[in-house]
């Protein structure tokens, strides 16, 4: 793909975490994050950015998705301040994710005031 990852790890390489512990990477990973690109708390804006970034490379993405042992997924984190409501997707986002054959999952956290 012509997209630069936010973080990439290659199986077999050694990485050191923030606590100074070094380990060998078991599985290769490639991450694309909206964190330094989108400041909105609206999940739709983050998904729109990801889709706009990835969509021009959808053929390459499709080839990657067909590879054995490769999993491609979109993971979102959502923090609930009040314990109700939640992320909303418009049909446009759902169509775009379906066109890219991307699974969407949410990590949901409930915080106290």
PDB file of N, CA and C in Angstrom:
ATOM      1  N   UNK A   1       0.850  -1.191   0.000  1.00  0.00           N
ATOM      2  CA  UNK A   1       0.000   0.000   0.000  1.00  0.00           C
ATOM      3  C   UNK A   1       0.885   1.239   0.000  1.00  0.00           C
ATOM      4  N   UNK A   2       0.361   2.303  -0.508  1.00  0.00           N
ATOM      5  CA  UNK A   2       1.079   3.571  -0.572  1.00  0.00           C
ATOM      6  C   UNK A   2       0.870   4.405   0.688  1.00  0.00           C
ATOM      7  N   UNK A   3       0.333   3.805   1.736  1.00  0.00           N
ATOM      8  CA  UNK A   3       0.035   4.499   2.988  1.00  0.00           C
ATOM      9  C   UNK A   3       1.117   4.155   4.004  1.00  0.00           C
ATOM     10  N   UNK A   4       1.641   5.173   4.659  1.00  0.00           N
ATOM     11  CA  UNK A   4       2.646   4.955   5.697  1.00  0.00           C
ATOM     12  C   UNK A   4       1.950   4.634   7.014  1.00  0.00           C
ATOM     13  N   UNK A   5       2.378   3.582   7.689  1.00  0.00           N
ATOM     14  CA  UNK A   5       1.748   3.232   8.969  1.00  0.00           C
ATOM     15  C   UNK A   5       2.146   4.207  10.074  1.00  0.00           C
ATOM     16  N   UNK A   6       1.314   4.290  11.082  1.00  0.00           N
ATOM     17  CA  UNK A   6       1.664   5.049  12.287  1.00  0.00           C
ATOM     18  C   UNK A   6       2.698   4.265  13.085  1.00  0.00           C
ATOM     19  N   UNK A   7       2.544   2.951  13.097  1.00  0.00           N
ATOM     20  CA  UNK A   7       3.467   2.037  13.778  1.00  0.00           C
ATOM     21  C   UNK A   7       3.495   0.740  12.984  1.00  0.00           C
ATOM     22  N   UNK A   8       4.675   0.164  12.837  1.00  0.00           N
ATOM     23  CA  UNK A   8       4.807  -1.149  12.204  1.00  0.00           C
ATOM     24  C   UNK A   8       5.842  -1.950  12.982  1.00  0.00           C
ATOM     25  N   UNK A   9       5.555  -3.212  13.188  1.00  0.00           N
ATOM     26  CA  UNK A   9       6.480  -4.131  13.855  1.00  0.00           C
ATOM     27  C   UNK A   9       6.652  -5.354  12.960  1.00  0.00           C
ATOM     28  N   UNK A  10       7.885  -5.794  12.797  1.00  0.00           N
ATOM     29  CA  UNK A  10       8.188  -6.943  11.952  1.00  0.00           C
ATOM     30  C   UNK A  10       8.557  -8.127  12.842  1.00  0.00           C
ATOM     31  N   UNK A  11       7.936  -9.271  12.581  1.00  0.00           N
ATOM     32  CA  UNK A  11       8.225 -10.474  13.364  1.00  0.00           C
ATOM     33  C   UNK A  11       9.728 -10.728  13.372  1.00  0.00           C
ATOM     34  N   UNK A  12      10.244 -10.997  14.568  1.00  0.00           N
ATOM     35  CA  UNK A  12      11.658 -11.290  14.730  1.00  0.00           C
ATOM     36  C   UNK A  12      12.497 -10.110  15.179  1.00  0.00           C
ATOM     37  N   UNK A  13      12.001  -8.876  14.950  1.00  0.00           N
ATOM     38  CA  UNK A  13      12.803  -7.734  15.386  1.00  0.00           C
ATOM     39  C   UNK A  13      12.660  -7.539  16.892  1.00  0.00           C
ATOM     40  N   UNK A  14      13.624  -6.878  17.468  1.00  0.00           N
ATOM     41  CA  UNK A  14      13.623  -6.595  18.909  1.00  0.00           C
ATOM     42  C   UNK A  14      13.097  -5.176  19.112  1.00  0.00           C
ATOM     43  N   UNK A  15      12.188  -5.030  20.072  1.00  0.00           N
ATOM     44  CA  UNK A  15      11.644  -3.714  20.402  1.00  0.00           C
ATOM     45  C   UNK A  15      11.761  -3.497  21.904  1.00  0.00           C
ATOM     46  N   UNK A  16      11.977  -2.240  22.268  1.00  0.00           N
ATOM     47  CA  UNK A  16      12.094  -1.866  23.678  1.00  0.00           C
ATOM     48  C   UNK A  16      10.917  -0.971  24.030  1.00  0.00           C
ATOM     49  N   UNK A  17      10.211  -1.315  25.114  1.00  0.00           N
ATOM     50  CA  UNK A  17       9.054  -0.516  25.507  1.00  0.00           C
ATOM     51  C   UNK A  17       9.478   0.672  26.369  1.00  0.00           C
ATOM     52  N   UNK A  18       8.491   1.461  26.813  1.00  0.00           N
ATOM     53  CA  UNK A  18       8.767   2.678  27.582  1.00  0.00           C
ATOM     54  C   UNK A  18       9.402   2.388  28.946  1.00  0.00           C
ATOM     55  N   UNK A  19       9.288   1.151  29.432  1.00  0.00           N
ATOM     56  CA  UNK A  19       9.901   0.776  30.707  1.00  0.00           C
ATOM     57  C   UNK A  19      11.301   0.190  30.525  1.00  0.00           C
ATOM     58  N   UNK A  20      11.777   0.182  29.285  1.00  0.00           N
ATOM     59  CA  UNK A  20      13.119  -0.321  29.016  1.00  0.00           C
ATOM     60  C   UNK A  20      13.202  -1.821  28.823  1.00  0.00           C
ATOM     61  N   UNK A  21      12.064  -2.510  28.782  1.00  0.00           N
ATOM     62  CA  UNK A  21      12.054  -3.950  28.578  1.00  0.00           C
ATOM     63  C   UNK A  21      12.107  -4.262  27.084  1.00  0.00           C
ATOM     64  N   UNK A  22      12.998  -5.162  26.697  1.00  0.00           N
ATOM     65  CA  UNK A  22      13.151  -5.535  25.298  1.00  0.00           C
ATOM     66  C   UNK A  22      12.536  -6.908  25.072  1.00  0.00           C
ATOM     67  N   UNK A  23      11.822  -7.048  23.954  1.00  0.00           N
ATOM     68  CA  UNK A  23      11.222  -8.326  23.600  1.00  0.00           C
ATOM     69  C   UNK A  23      11.322  -8.516  22.095  1.00  0.00           C
ATOM     70  N   UNK A  24      11.153  -9.759  21.684  1.00  0.00           N
ATOM     71  CA  UNK A  24      11.146 -10.066  20.256  1.00  0.00           C
ATOM     72  C   UNK A  24       9.705 -10.073  19.762  1.00  0.00           C
ATOM     73  N   UNK A  25       9.463  -9.403  18.658  1.00  0.00           N
ATOM     74  CA  UNK A  25       8.126  -9.336  18.070  1.00  0.00           C
ATOM     75  C   UNK A  25       7.757 -10.715  17.521  1.00  0.00           C
ATOM     76  N   UNK A  26       6.609 -11.253  17.956  1.00  0.00           N
ATOM     77  CA  UNK A  26       6.156 -12.583  17.529  1.00  0.00           C
ATOM     78  C   UNK A  26       5.412 -12.535  16.196  1.00  0.00           C
ATOM     79  N   UNK A  27       4.541 -11.535  16.035  1.00  0.00           N
ATOM     80  CA  UNK A  27       3.742 -11.399  14.815  1.00  0.00           C
ATOM     81  C   UNK A  27       3.921  -9.998  14.263  1.00  0.00           C
ATOM     82  N   UNK A  28       4.061  -9.911  12.957  1.00  0.00           N
ATOM     83  CA  UNK A  28       4.174  -8.594  12.322  1.00  0.00           C
ATOM     84  C   UNK A  28       2.852  -7.848  12.468  1.00  0.00           C
ATOM     85  N   UNK A  29       2.938  -6.543  12.709  1.00  0.00           N
ATOM     86  CA  UNK A  29       1.747  -5.700  12.832  1.00  0.00           C
ATOM     87  C   UNK A  29       1.959  -4.398  12.070  1.00  0.00           C
ATOM     88  N   UNK A  30       0.866  -3.804  11.625  1.00  0.00           N
ATOM     89  CA  UNK A  30       0.892  -2.556  10.870  1.00  0.00           C
ATOM     90  C   UNK A  30      -0.312  -1.765  11.344  1.00  0.00           C
ATOM     91  N   UNK A  31      -0.081  -0.584  11.912  1.00  0.00           N
ATOM     92  CA  UNK A  31      -1.169   0.218  12.474  1.00  0.00           C
ATOM     93  C   UNK A  31      -1.242   1.576  11.784  1.00  0.00           C
ATOM     94  N   UNK A  32      -2.467   2.019  11.543  1.00  0.00           N
ATOM     95  CA  UNK A  32      -2.717   3.365  11.039  1.00  0.00           C
ATOM     96  C   UNK A  32      -3.656   4.031  12.027  1.00  0.00           C
ATOM     97  N   UNK A  33      -3.188   5.090  12.666  1.00  0.00           N
ATOM     98  CA  UNK A  33      -3.959   5.765  13.712  1.00  0.00           C
ATOM     99  C   UNK A  33      -4.379   7.158  13.254  1.00  0.00           C
ATOM    100  N   UNK A  34      -5.546   7.571  13.720  1.00  0.00           N
ATOM    101  CA  UNK A  34      -6.028   8.926  13.433  1.00  0.00           C
ATOM    102  C   UNK A  34      -5.548   9.923  14.480  1.00  0.00           C
ATOM    103  N   UNK A  35      -4.920   9.429  15.528  1.00  0.00           N
ATOM    104  CA  UNK A  35      -4.606  10.249  16.702  1.00  0.00           C
ATOM    105  C   UNK A  35      -3.922  11.572  16.378  1.00  0.00           C
ATOM    106  N   UNK A  36      -2.949  11.584  15.503  1.00  0.00           N
ATOM    107  CA  UNK A  36      -2.237  12.836  15.204  1.00  0.00           C
ATOM    108  C   UNK A  36      -2.846  13.588  14.015  1.00  0.00           C
ATOM    109  N   UNK A  37      -3.978  13.088  13.500  1.00  0.00           N
ATOM    110  CA  UNK A  37      -4.599  13.707  12.322  1.00  0.00           C
ATOM    111  C   UNK A  37      -5.969  14.315  12.608  1.00  0.00           C
ATOM    112  N   UNK A  38      -6.725  13.702  13.502  1.00  0.00           N
ATOM    113  CA  UNK A  38      -8.097  14.137  13.790  1.00  0.00           C
ATOM    114  C   UNK A  38      -8.226  14.391  15.291  1.00  0.00           C
ATOM    115  N   UNK A  39      -8.701  15.582  15.654  1.00  0.00           N
ATOM    116  CA  UNK A  39      -8.864  15.896  17.076  1.00  0.00           C
ATOM    117  C   UNK A  39     -10.312  15.770  17.543  1.00  0.00           C
ATOM    118  N   UNK A  40     -11.234  15.564  16.632  1.00  0.00           N
ATOM    119  CA  UNK A  40     -12.653  15.468  16.963  1.00  0.00           C
ATOM    120  C   UNK A  40     -12.945  14.255  17.840  1.00  0.00           C
ATOM    121  N   UNK A  41     -13.997  14.358  18.634  1.00  0.00           N
ATOM    122  CA  UNK A  41     -14.471  13.226  19.429  1.00  0.00           C
ATOM    123  C   UNK A  41     -15.569  12.463  18.694  1.00  0.00           C
ATOM    124  N   UNK A  42     -15.880  12.886  17.483  1.00  0.00           N
ATOM    125  CA  UNK A  42     -16.904  12.235  16.662  1.00  0.00           C
ATOM    126  C   UNK A  42     -16.244  11.101  15.881  1.00  0.00           C
ATOM    127  N   UNK A  43     -16.623   9.876  16.186  1.00  0.00           N
ATOM    128  CA  UNK A  43     -16.013   8.698  15.565  1.00  0.00           C
ATOM    129  C   UNK A  43     -16.157   8.725  14.050  1.00  0.00           C
ATOM    130  N   UNK A  44     -17.224   9.360  13.564  1.00  0.00           N
ATOM    131  CA  UNK A  44     -17.453   9.417  12.117  1.00  0.00           C
ATOM    132  C   UNK A  44     -16.334  10.159  11.402  1.00  0.00           C
ATOM    133  N   UNK A  45     -15.807  11.202  12.029  1.00  0.00           N
ATOM    134  CA  UNK A  45     -14.710  11.951  11.400  1.00  0.00           C
ATOM    135  C   UNK A  45     -13.440  11.120  11.339  1.00  0.00           C
ATOM    136  N   UNK A  46     -13.210  10.308  12.346  1.00  0.00           N
ATOM    137  CA  UNK A  46     -12.037   9.427  12.350  1.00  0.00           C
ATOM    138  C   UNK A  46     -12.175   8.355  11.265  1.00  0.00           C
ATOM    139  N   UNK A  47     -13.365   7.767  11.171  1.00  0.00           N
ATOM    140  CA  UNK A  47     -13.595   6.745  10.154  1.00  0.00           C
ATOM    141  C   UNK A  47     -13.509   7.356   8.761  1.00  0.00           C
ATOM    142  N   UNK A  48     -14.073   8.550   8.578  1.00  0.00           N
ATOM    143  CA  UNK A  48     -13.972   9.220   7.268  1.00  0.00           C
ATOM    144  C   UNK A  48     -12.512   9.419   6.873  1.00  0.00           C
ATOM    145  N   UNK A  49     -11.675   9.856   7.822  1.00  0.00           N
ATOM    146  CA  UNK A  49     -10.253  10.067   7.517  1.00  0.00           C
ATOM    147  C   UNK A  49      -9.588   8.754   7.114  1.00  0.00           C
ATOM    148  N   UNK A  50      -9.854   7.698   7.881  1.00  0.00           N
ATOM    149  CA  UNK A  50      -9.271   6.398   7.556  1.00  0.00           C
ATOM    150  C   UNK A  50      -9.714   5.914   6.184  1.00  0.00           C
ATOM    151  N   UNK A  51     -11.001   6.024   5.896  1.00  0.00           N
ATOM    152  CA  UNK A  51     -11.515   5.586   4.595  1.00  0.00           C
ATOM    153  C   UNK A  51     -10.886   6.405   3.475  1.00  0.00           C
ATOM    154  N   UNK A  52     -10.828   7.727   3.627  1.00  0.00           N
ATOM    155  CA  UNK A  52     -10.231   8.578   2.593  1.00  0.00           C
ATOM    156  C   UNK A  52      -8.756   8.254   2.379  1.00  0.00           C
ATOM    157  N   UNK A  53      -8.078   7.858   3.441  1.00  0.00           N
ATOM    158  CA  UNK A  53      -6.660   7.531   3.355  1.00  0.00           C
ATOM    159  C   UNK A  53      -6.445   6.176   2.697  1.00  0.00           C
ATOM    160  N   UNK A  54      -7.276   5.212   3.030  1.00  0.00           N
ATOM    161  CA  UNK A  54      -7.101   3.844   2.551  1.00  0.00           C
ATOM    162  C   UNK A  54      -7.756   3.597   1.200  1.00  0.00           C
ATOM    163  N   UNK A  55      -8.903   4.218   0.929  1.00  0.00           N
ATOM    164  CA  UNK A  55      -9.717   3.890  -0.245  1.00  0.00           C
ATOM    165  C   UNK A  55      -8.949   3.934  -1.569  1.00  0.00           C
ATOM    166  N   UNK A  56      -8.085   4.931  -1.784  1.00  0.00           N
ATOM    167  CA  UNK A  56      -7.347   4.936  -3.058  1.00  0.00           C
ATOM    168  C   UNK A  56      -6.455   3.697  -3.237  1.00  0.00           C
ATOM    169  N   UNK A  57      -6.185   2.991  -2.165  1.00  0.00           N
ATOM    170  CA  UNK A  57      -5.337   1.794  -2.197  1.00  0.00           C
ATOM    171  C   UNK A  57      -6.145   0.519  -1.978  1.00  0.00           C
ATOM    172  N   UNK A  58      -7.435   0.558  -2.294  1.00  0.00           N
ATOM    173  CA  UNK A  58      -8.317  -0.571  -1.995  1.00  0.00           C
ATOM    174  C   UNK A  58      -7.918  -1.858  -2.715  1.00  0.00           C
ATOM    175  N   UNK A  59      -7.321  -1.754  -3.910  1.00  0.00           N
ATOM    176  CA  UNK A  59      -6.886  -2.973  -4.605  1.00  0.00           C
ATOM    177  C   UNK A  59      -5.747  -3.638  -3.850  1.00  0.00           C
ATOM    178  N   UNK A  60      -4.786  -2.840  -3.391  1.00  0.00           N
ATOM    179  CA  UNK A  60      -3.682  -3.382  -2.594  1.00  0.00           C
ATOM    180  C   UNK A  60      -4.206  -3.962  -1.285  1.00  0.00           C
ATOM    181  N   UNK A  61      -5.147  -3.266  -0.659  1.00  0.00           N
ATOM    182  CA  UNK A  61      -5.738  -3.750   0.583  1.00  0.00           C
ATOM    183  C   UNK A  61      -6.404  -5.103   0.348  1.00  0.00           C
ATOM    184  N   UNK A  62      -7.130  -5.238  -0.758  1.00  0.00           N
ATOM    185  CA  UNK A  62      -7.797  -6.499  -1.080  1.00  0.00           C
ATOM    186  C   UNK A  62      -6.804  -7.646  -1.216  1.00  0.00           C
ATOM    187  N   UNK A  63      -5.667  -7.391  -1.842  1.00  0.00           N
ATOM    188  CA  UNK A  63      -4.642  -8.431  -1.986  1.00  0.00           C
ATOM    189  C   UNK A  63      -4.069  -8.821  -0.632  1.00  0.00           C
ATOM    190  N   UNK A  64      -3.886  -7.833   0.229  1.00  0.00           N
ATOM    191  CA  UNK A  64      -3.373  -8.106   1.582  1.00  0.00           C
ATOM    192  C   UNK A  64      -4.387  -8.938   2.357  1.00  0.00           C
ATOM    193  N   UNK A  65      -5.671  -8.595   2.227  1.00  0.00           N
ATOM    194  CA  UNK A  65      -6.719  -9.310   2.955  1.00  0.00           C
ATOM    195  C   UNK A  65      -6.824 -10.773   2.514  1.00  0.00           C
ATOM    196  N   UNK A  66      -6.410 -11.077   1.286  1.00  0.00           N
ATOM    197  CA  UNK A  66      -6.477 -12.444   0.768  1.00  0.00           C
ATOM    198  C   UNK A  66      -5.306 -13.305   1.233  1.00  0.00           C
ATOM    199  N   UNK A  67      -4.286 -12.697   1.827  1.00  0.00           N
ATOM    200  CA  UNK A  67      -3.106 -13.452   2.260  1.00  0.00           C
ATOM    201  C   UNK A  67      -3.437 -14.334   3.460  1.00  0.00           C
ATOM    202  N   UNK A  68      -2.882 -15.547   3.454  1.00  0.00           N
ATOM    203  CA  UNK A  68      -3.058 -16.453   4.592  1.00  0.00           C
ATOM    204  C   UNK A  68      -2.425 -15.859   5.840  1.00  0.00           C
ATOM    205  N   UNK A  69      -3.130 -15.976   6.966  1.00  0.00           N
ATOM    206  CA  UNK A  69      -2.587 -15.528   8.240  1.00  0.00           C
ATOM    207  C   UNK A  69      -2.657 -14.037   8.478  1.00  0.00           C
ATOM    208  N   UNK A  70      -3.294 -13.306   7.571  1.00  0.00           N
ATOM    209  CA  UNK A  70      -3.394 -11.850   7.717  1.00  0.00           C
ATOM    210  C   UNK A  70      -4.818 -11.486   8.131  1.00  0.00           C
ATOM    211  N   UNK A  71      -4.920 -10.628   9.135  1.00  0.00           N
ATOM    212  CA  UNK A  71      -6.225 -10.120   9.565  1.00  0.00           C
ATOM    213  C   UNK A  71      -6.188  -8.601   9.484  1.00  0.00           C
ATOM    214  N   UNK A  72      -7.176  -8.036   8.824  1.00  0.00           N
ATOM    215  CA  UNK A  72      -7.281  -6.589   8.693  1.00  0.00           C
ATOM    216  C   UNK A  72      -8.573  -6.168   9.380  1.00  0.00           C
ATOM    217  N   UNK A  73      -8.451  -5.272  10.331  1.00  0.00           N
ATOM    218  CA  UNK A  73      -9.625  -4.839  11.079  1.00  0.00           C
ATOM    219  C   UNK A  73      -9.498  -3.368  11.456  1.00  0.00           C
ATOM    220  N   UNK A  74     -10.607  -2.737  11.692  1.00  0.00           N
ATOM    221  CA  UNK A  74     -10.651  -1.358  12.162  1.00  0.00           C
ATOM    222  C   UNK A  74     -11.113  -1.405  13.610  1.00  0.00           C
ATOM    223  N   UNK A  75     -10.279  -0.910  14.506  1.00  0.00           N
ATOM    224  CA  UNK A  75     -10.607  -0.946  15.929  1.00  0.00           C
ATOM    225  C   UNK A  75     -10.732   0.482  16.444  1.00  0.00           C
ATOM    226  N   UNK A  76     -11.835   0.777  17.099  1.00  0.00           N
ATOM    227  CA  UNK A  76     -12.093   2.106  17.651  1.00  0.00           C
ATOM    228  C   UNK A  76     -12.202   2.018  19.171  1.00  0.00           C
ATOM    229  N   UNK A  77     -11.754   3.055  19.828  1.00  0.00           N
ATOM    230  CA  UNK A  77     -11.860   3.145  21.276  1.00  0.00           C
ATOM    231  C   UNK A  77     -12.886   4.220  21.598  1.00  0.00           C
ATOM    232  N   UNK A  78     -13.799   3.910  22.520  1.00  0.00           N
ATOM    233  CA  UNK A  78     -14.825   4.873  22.901  1.00  0.00           C
ATOM    234  C   UNK A  78     -14.932   4.908  24.419  1.00  0.00           C
ATOM    235  N   UNK A  79     -14.863   6.128  24.974  1.00  0.00           N
ATOM    236  CA  UNK A  79     -14.986   6.346  26.416  1.00  0.00           C
ATOM    237  C   UNK A  79     -16.336   6.971  26.707  1.00  0.00           C
ATOM    238  N   UNK A  80     -17.128   6.323  27.554  1.00  0.00           N
ATOM    239  CA  UNK A  80     -18.439   6.835  27.925  1.00  0.00           C
ATOM    240  C   UNK A  80     -18.314   7.637  29.213  1.00  0.00           C
ATOM    241  N   UNK A  81     -18.713   8.891  29.154  1.00  0.00           N
ATOM    242  CA  UNK A  81     -18.677   9.719  30.356  1.00  0.00           C
ATOM    243  C   UNK A  81     -19.938   9.577  31.191  1.00  0.00           C
ATOM    244  N   UNK A  82     -21.073   9.287  30.535  1.00  0.00           N
ATOM    245  CA  UNK A  82     -22.342   9.248  31.248  1.00  0.00           C
ATOM    246  C   UNK A  82     -22.968   7.858  31.304  1.00  0.00           C
ATOM    247  N   UNK A  83     -22.396   6.887  30.609  1.00  0.00           N
ATOM    248  CA  UNK A  83     -22.923   5.528  30.658  1.00  0.00           C
ATOM    249  C   UNK A  83     -24.066   5.244  29.715  1.00  0.00           C
ATOM    250  N   UNK A  84     -24.396   6.185  28.848  1.00  0.00           N
ATOM    251  CA  UNK A  84     -25.425   5.928  27.842  1.00  0.00           C
ATOM    252  C   UNK A  84     -25.039   6.648  26.564  1.00  0.00           C
ATOM    253  N   UNK A  85     -25.837   6.444  25.525  1.00  0.00           N
ATOM    254  CA  UNK A  85     -25.452   6.975  24.222  1.00  0.00           C
ATOM    255  C   UNK A  85     -24.358   6.096  23.652  1.00  0.00           C
ATOM    256  N   UNK A  86     -23.628   6.612  22.727  1.00  0.00           N
ATOM    257  CA  UNK A  86     -22.537   5.827  22.167  1.00  0.00           C
ATOM    258  C   UNK A  86     -22.187   6.277  20.771  1.00  0.00           C
ATOM    259  N   UNK A  87     -21.235   5.579  20.178  1.00  0.00           N
ATOM    260  CA  UNK A  87     -20.813   5.960  18.836  1.00  0.00           C
ATOM    261  C   UNK A  87     -21.927   5.733  17.824  1.00  0.00           C
ATOM    262  N   UNK A  88     -21.955   6.601  16.831  1.00  0.00           N
ATOM    263  CA  UNK A  88     -22.958   6.515  15.773  1.00  0.00           C
ATOM    264  C   UNK A  88     -22.233   6.479  14.435  1.00  0.00           C
ATOM    265  N   UNK A  89     -22.667   5.586  13.566  1.00  0.00           N
ATOM    266  CA  UNK A  89     -22.154   5.546  12.205  1.00  0.00           C
ATOM    267  C   UNK A  89     -23.291   5.867  11.254  1.00  0.00           C
ATOM    268  N   UNK A  90     -22.995   6.635  10.230  1.00  0.00           N
ATOM    269  CA  UNK A  90     -23.968   6.902   9.192  1.00  0.00           C
ATOM    270  C   UNK A  90     -23.893   5.796   8.150  1.00  0.00           C
ATOM    271  N   UNK A  91     -24.932   5.613   7.363  1.00  0.00           N
ATOM    272  CA  UNK A  91     -24.886   4.604   6.298  1.00  0.00           C
ATOM    273  C   UNK A  91     -23.673   4.780   5.367  1.00  0.00           C
ATOM    274  N   UNK A  92     -23.249   6.036   5.155  1.00  0.00           N
ATOM    275  CA  UNK A  92     -22.092   6.278   4.287  1.00  0.00           C
ATOM    276  C   UNK A  92     -20.830   5.605   4.821  1.00  0.00           C
ATOM    277  N   UNK A  93     -20.623   5.683   6.153  1.00  0.00           N
ATOM    278  CA  UNK A  93     -19.453   5.033   6.751  1.00  0.00           C
ATOM    279  C   UNK A  93     -19.587   3.518   6.667  1.00  0.00           C
ATOM    280  N   UNK A  94     -20.784   3.014   6.941  1.00  0.00           N
ATOM    281  CA  UNK A  94     -20.981   1.564   6.892  1.00  0.00           C
ATOM    282  C   UNK A  94     -20.761   1.032   5.476  1.00  0.00           C
ATOM    283  N   UNK A  95     -21.247   1.775   4.461  1.00  0.00           N
ATOM    284  CA  UNK A  95     -21.041   1.368   3.064  1.00  0.00           C
ATOM    285  C   UNK A  95     -19.564   1.373   2.708  1.00  0.00           C
ATOM    286  N   UNK A  96     -18.861   2.429   3.122  1.00  0.00           N
ATOM    287  CA  UNK A  96     -17.433   2.549   2.807  1.00  0.00           C
ATOM    288  C   UNK A  96     -16.642   1.423   3.455  1.00  0.00           C
ATOM    289  N   UNK A  97     -16.944   1.093   4.710  1.00  0.00           N
ATOM    290  CA  UNK A  97     -16.254   0.000   5.387  1.00  0.00           C
ATOM    291  C   UNK A  97     -16.576  -1.336   4.726  1.00  0.00           C
ATOM    292  N   UNK A  98     -17.831  -1.514   4.309  1.00  0.00           N
ATOM    293  CA  UNK A  98     -18.209  -2.749   3.609  1.00  0.00           C
ATOM    294  C   UNK A  98     -17.488  -2.843   2.265  1.00  0.00           C
ATOM    295  N   UNK A  99     -17.393  -1.727   1.547  1.00  0.00           N
ATOM    296  CA  UNK A  99     -16.682  -1.718   0.261  1.00  0.00           C
ATOM    297  C   UNK A  99     -15.216  -2.108   0.428  1.00  0.00           C
ATOM    298  N   UNK A 100     -14.628  -1.742   1.568  1.00  0.00           N
ATOM    299  CA  UNK A 100     -13.234  -2.085   1.856  1.00  0.00           C
ATOM    300  C   UNK A 100     -13.117  -3.447   2.541  1.00  0.00           C
ATOM    301  N   UNK A 101     -14.259  -4.100   2.779  1.00  0.00           N
ATOM    302  CA  UNK A 101     -14.307  -5.400   3.451  1.00  0.00           C
ATOM    303  C   UNK A 101     -13.624  -5.334   4.813  1.00  0.00           C
ATOM    304  N   UNK A 102     -13.899  -4.243   5.548  1.00  0.00           N
ATOM    305  CA  UNK A 102     -13.279  -4.038   6.852  1.00  0.00           C
ATOM    306  C   UNK A 102     -14.256  -4.337   7.986  1.00  0.00           C
ATOM    307  N   UNK A 103     -13.796  -5.138   8.901  1.00  0.00           N
ATOM    308  CA  UNK A 103     -14.507  -5.404  10.149  1.00  0.00           C
ATOM    309  C   UNK A 103     -14.294  -4.196  11.056  1.00  0.00           C
ATOM    310  N   UNK A 104     -15.299  -3.848  11.847  1.00  0.00           N
ATOM    311  CA  UNK A 104     -15.202  -2.733  12.791  1.00  0.00           C
ATOM    312  C   UNK A 104     -15.498  -3.244  14.188  1.00  0.00           C
ATOM    313  N   UNK A 105     -14.599  -2.953  15.116  1.00  0.00           N
ATOM    314  CA  UNK A 105     -14.840  -3.323  16.505  1.00  0.00           C
ATOM    315  C   UNK A 105     -14.618  -2.106  17.389  1.00  0.00           C
ATOM    316  N   UNK A 106     -15.261  -2.135  18.544  1.00  0.00           N
ATOM    317  CA  UNK A 106     -15.138  -1.047  19.509  1.00  0.00           C
ATOM    318  C   UNK A 106     -14.620  -1.580  20.839  1.00  0.00           C
ATOM    319  N   UNK A 107     -13.651  -0.896  21.397  1.00  0.00           N
ATOM    320  CA  UNK A 107     -13.260  -1.085  22.789  1.00  0.00           C
ATOM    321  C   UNK A 107     -13.996   0.015  23.549  1.00  0.00           C
ATOM    322  N   UNK A 108     -14.889  -0.351  24.448  1.00  0.00           N
ATOM    323  CA  UNK A 108     -15.713   0.624  25.155  1.00  0.00           C
ATOM    324  C   UNK A 108     -15.299   0.661  26.620  1.00  0.00           C
ATOM    325  N   UNK A 109     -15.113   1.874  27.128  1.00  0.00           N
ATOM    326  CA  UNK A 109     -14.714   2.079  28.522  1.00  0.00           C
ATOM    327  C   UNK A 109     -15.687   3.044  29.182  1.00  0.00           C
ATOM    328  N   UNK A 110     -16.033   2.751  30.428  1.00  0.00           N
ATOM    329  CA  UNK A 110     -16.914   3.618  31.198  1.00  0.00           C
ATOM    330  C   UNK A 110     -16.082   4.302  32.262  1.00  0.00           C
ATOM    331  N   UNK A 111     -16.129   5.624  32.267  1.00  0.00           N
ATOM    332  CA  UNK A 111     -15.332   6.389  33.216  1.00  0.00           C
ATOM    333  C   UNK A 111     -16.247   7.058  34.223  1.00  0.00           C
ATOM    334  N   UNK A 112     -15.695   7.332  35.383  1.00  0.00           N
ATOM    335  CA  UNK A 112     -16.462   8.031  36.405  1.00  0.00           C
ATOM    336  C   UNK A 112     -16.232   9.531  36.279  1.00  0.00           C
ATOM    337  N   UNK A 113     -17.243  10.303  36.668  1.00  0.00           N
ATOM    338  CA  UNK A 113     -17.101  11.766  36.628  1.00  0.00           C
ATOM    339  C   UNK A 113     -16.135  12.217  37.702  1.00  0.00           C
TER     340      UNK A 113
END
